[in-house]
N, C-alpha and C. Protein backbone atom coordinates (compact mmCIF):
# COMPACT_ATOMS: atom_id res chain seq x y z
N ALA A 1 107.94 79.41 76.91
CA ALA A 1 107.23 80.62 76.53
C ALA A 1 106.86 80.54 75.06
N GLN A 2 105.78 81.21 74.73
CA GLN A 2 105.30 81.22 73.35
C GLN A 2 105.25 82.67 72.86
N ILE A 3 105.86 82.93 71.69
CA ILE A 3 105.82 84.25 71.07
C ILE A 3 104.77 84.20 69.96
N TYR A 4 103.91 85.21 69.91
CA TYR A 4 102.87 85.26 68.88
C TYR A 4 102.56 86.72 68.56
N LYS A 5 101.73 86.95 67.54
CA LYS A 5 101.32 88.31 67.17
C LYS A 5 99.87 88.53 67.60
N ASP A 6 99.58 89.74 68.09
CA ASP A 6 98.21 90.06 68.45
C ASP A 6 97.44 90.53 67.21
N ASP A 7 96.24 91.04 67.41
CA ASP A 7 95.39 91.48 66.29
C ASP A 7 96.00 92.61 65.47
N LYS A 8 96.90 93.38 66.10
CA LYS A 8 97.55 94.50 65.41
C LYS A 8 98.96 94.14 64.95
N ASN A 9 99.28 92.84 64.93
CA ASN A 9 100.60 92.31 64.55
C ASN A 9 101.72 92.69 65.50
N ALA A 10 101.39 93.11 66.70
CA ALA A 10 102.42 93.40 67.71
C ALA A 10 102.87 92.09 68.35
N PRO A 11 104.17 91.92 68.59
CA PRO A 11 104.64 90.69 69.21
C PRO A 11 104.21 90.60 70.67
N LYS A 12 103.81 89.43 71.09
CA LYS A 12 103.39 89.17 72.47
C LYS A 12 104.06 87.89 72.94
N VAL A 13 104.15 87.72 74.25
CA VAL A 13 104.73 86.50 74.81
C VAL A 13 103.76 85.94 75.84
N LYS A 14 103.62 84.63 75.84
CA LYS A 14 102.78 83.94 76.81
C LYS A 14 103.64 82.92 77.55
N PHE A 15 103.59 82.99 78.88
CA PHE A 15 104.37 82.07 79.70
C PHE A 15 103.47 80.97 80.25
N SER A 16 104.06 79.81 80.47
CA SER A 16 103.32 78.73 81.12
C SER A 16 103.13 79.08 82.59
N GLU A 17 102.15 78.46 83.21
CA GLU A 17 101.90 78.69 84.63
C GLU A 17 103.12 78.32 85.47
N LYS A 18 103.86 77.29 85.05
CA LYS A 18 105.06 76.87 85.78
C LYS A 18 106.11 77.98 85.78
N ILE A 19 106.34 78.61 84.63
CA ILE A 19 107.31 79.70 84.55
C ILE A 19 106.84 80.89 85.37
N ILE A 20 105.55 81.23 85.26
CA ILE A 20 105.00 82.35 86.02
C ILE A 20 105.21 82.13 87.51
N LYS A 21 104.94 80.93 87.98
CA LYS A 21 105.08 80.63 89.41
C LYS A 21 106.54 80.58 89.84
N ASN A 22 107.38 79.86 89.09
CA ASN A 22 108.78 79.67 89.49
C ASN A 22 109.60 80.96 89.44
N PHE A 23 109.30 81.83 88.47
CA PHE A 23 110.10 83.04 88.30
C PHE A 23 109.35 84.31 88.71
N ASN A 24 108.14 84.14 89.27
CA ASN A 24 107.38 85.27 89.77
C ASN A 24 107.12 86.32 88.68
N VAL A 25 106.79 85.86 87.48
CA VAL A 25 106.60 86.73 86.32
C VAL A 25 105.26 87.45 86.40
N LYS A 26 105.32 88.77 86.20
CA LYS A 26 104.10 89.59 86.15
C LYS A 26 103.70 89.88 84.70
N GLY A 27 104.69 90.08 83.84
CA GLY A 27 104.40 90.38 82.44
C GLY A 27 105.67 90.57 81.65
N ALA A 28 105.51 90.86 80.35
CA ALA A 28 106.66 91.07 79.49
C ALA A 28 106.27 91.95 78.31
N GLN A 29 107.22 92.76 77.87
CA GLN A 29 107.07 93.53 76.65
C GLN A 29 108.21 93.14 75.72
N ILE A 30 107.88 92.94 74.46
CA ILE A 30 108.92 92.62 73.49
C ILE A 30 108.74 93.49 72.26
N THR A 31 109.84 93.75 71.59
CA THR A 31 109.82 94.50 70.34
C THR A 31 110.78 93.84 69.37
N ILE A 32 110.40 93.83 68.11
CA ILE A 32 111.22 93.23 67.06
C ILE A 32 111.20 94.19 65.88
N SER A 33 112.38 94.43 65.28
CA SER A 33 112.46 95.32 64.13
C SER A 33 113.48 94.77 63.14
N HIS A 34 113.29 95.10 61.87
CA HIS A 34 114.26 94.67 60.86
C HIS A 34 114.31 95.70 59.74
N ASP A 35 115.48 95.79 59.09
CA ASP A 35 115.67 96.69 57.96
C ASP A 35 116.96 96.32 57.25
N GLY A 36 116.91 96.25 55.96
CA GLY A 36 118.12 96.04 55.17
C GLY A 36 118.91 94.80 55.54
N GLY A 37 118.26 93.72 55.87
CA GLY A 37 118.97 92.49 56.19
C GLY A 37 119.42 92.38 57.63
N PHE A 38 119.12 93.37 58.44
CA PHE A 38 119.48 93.34 59.85
C PHE A 38 118.21 93.27 60.70
N ALA A 39 118.32 92.62 61.83
CA ALA A 39 117.17 92.51 62.74
C ALA A 39 117.65 92.75 64.18
N ILE A 40 116.73 93.25 64.99
CA ILE A 40 117.03 93.48 66.40
C ILE A 40 115.77 93.20 67.21
N ALA A 41 115.96 92.71 68.42
CA ALA A 41 114.83 92.44 69.31
C ALA A 41 115.24 92.81 70.73
N ALA A 42 114.25 93.20 71.52
CA ALA A 42 114.48 93.51 72.93
C ALA A 42 113.31 92.97 73.74
N ALA A 43 113.60 92.55 74.95
CA ALA A 43 112.55 92.03 75.84
C ALA A 43 112.75 92.61 77.24
N ILE A 44 111.64 92.97 77.85
CA ILE A 44 111.64 93.45 79.23
C ILE A 44 110.68 92.57 80.02
N LEU A 45 111.20 91.93 81.05
CA LEU A 45 110.37 91.07 81.90
C LEU A 45 110.04 91.81 83.19
N GLN A 46 108.80 91.69 83.62
CA GLN A 46 108.37 92.28 84.88
C GLN A 46 108.13 91.17 85.88
N ARG A 47 108.59 91.39 87.11
CA ARG A 47 108.39 90.41 88.17
C ARG A 47 107.44 90.97 89.20
N LYS A 48 106.68 90.08 89.82
CA LYS A 48 105.80 90.47 90.91
C LYS A 48 106.66 90.81 92.12
N GLU A 49 106.18 91.74 92.93
CA GLU A 49 106.87 92.06 94.18
C GLU A 49 106.74 90.87 95.12
N ASN A 50 107.76 90.67 95.95
CA ASN A 50 107.66 89.61 96.96
C ASN A 50 106.56 89.95 97.94
N GLU A 51 105.75 88.97 98.23
CA GLU A 51 104.61 89.20 99.13
C GLU A 51 104.91 88.72 100.52
């Protein structure tokens, strides 16, 4: 997976086709924050429904 910033500096993640296929990935949201020498991040992965 690749983490990058969009035009508004929001963090985004891009998965390879192999990961999307093998793990049935639909999408992801990530957030990153820092203050006073501390940092925190969270990620939510969405999976496609079984067809």
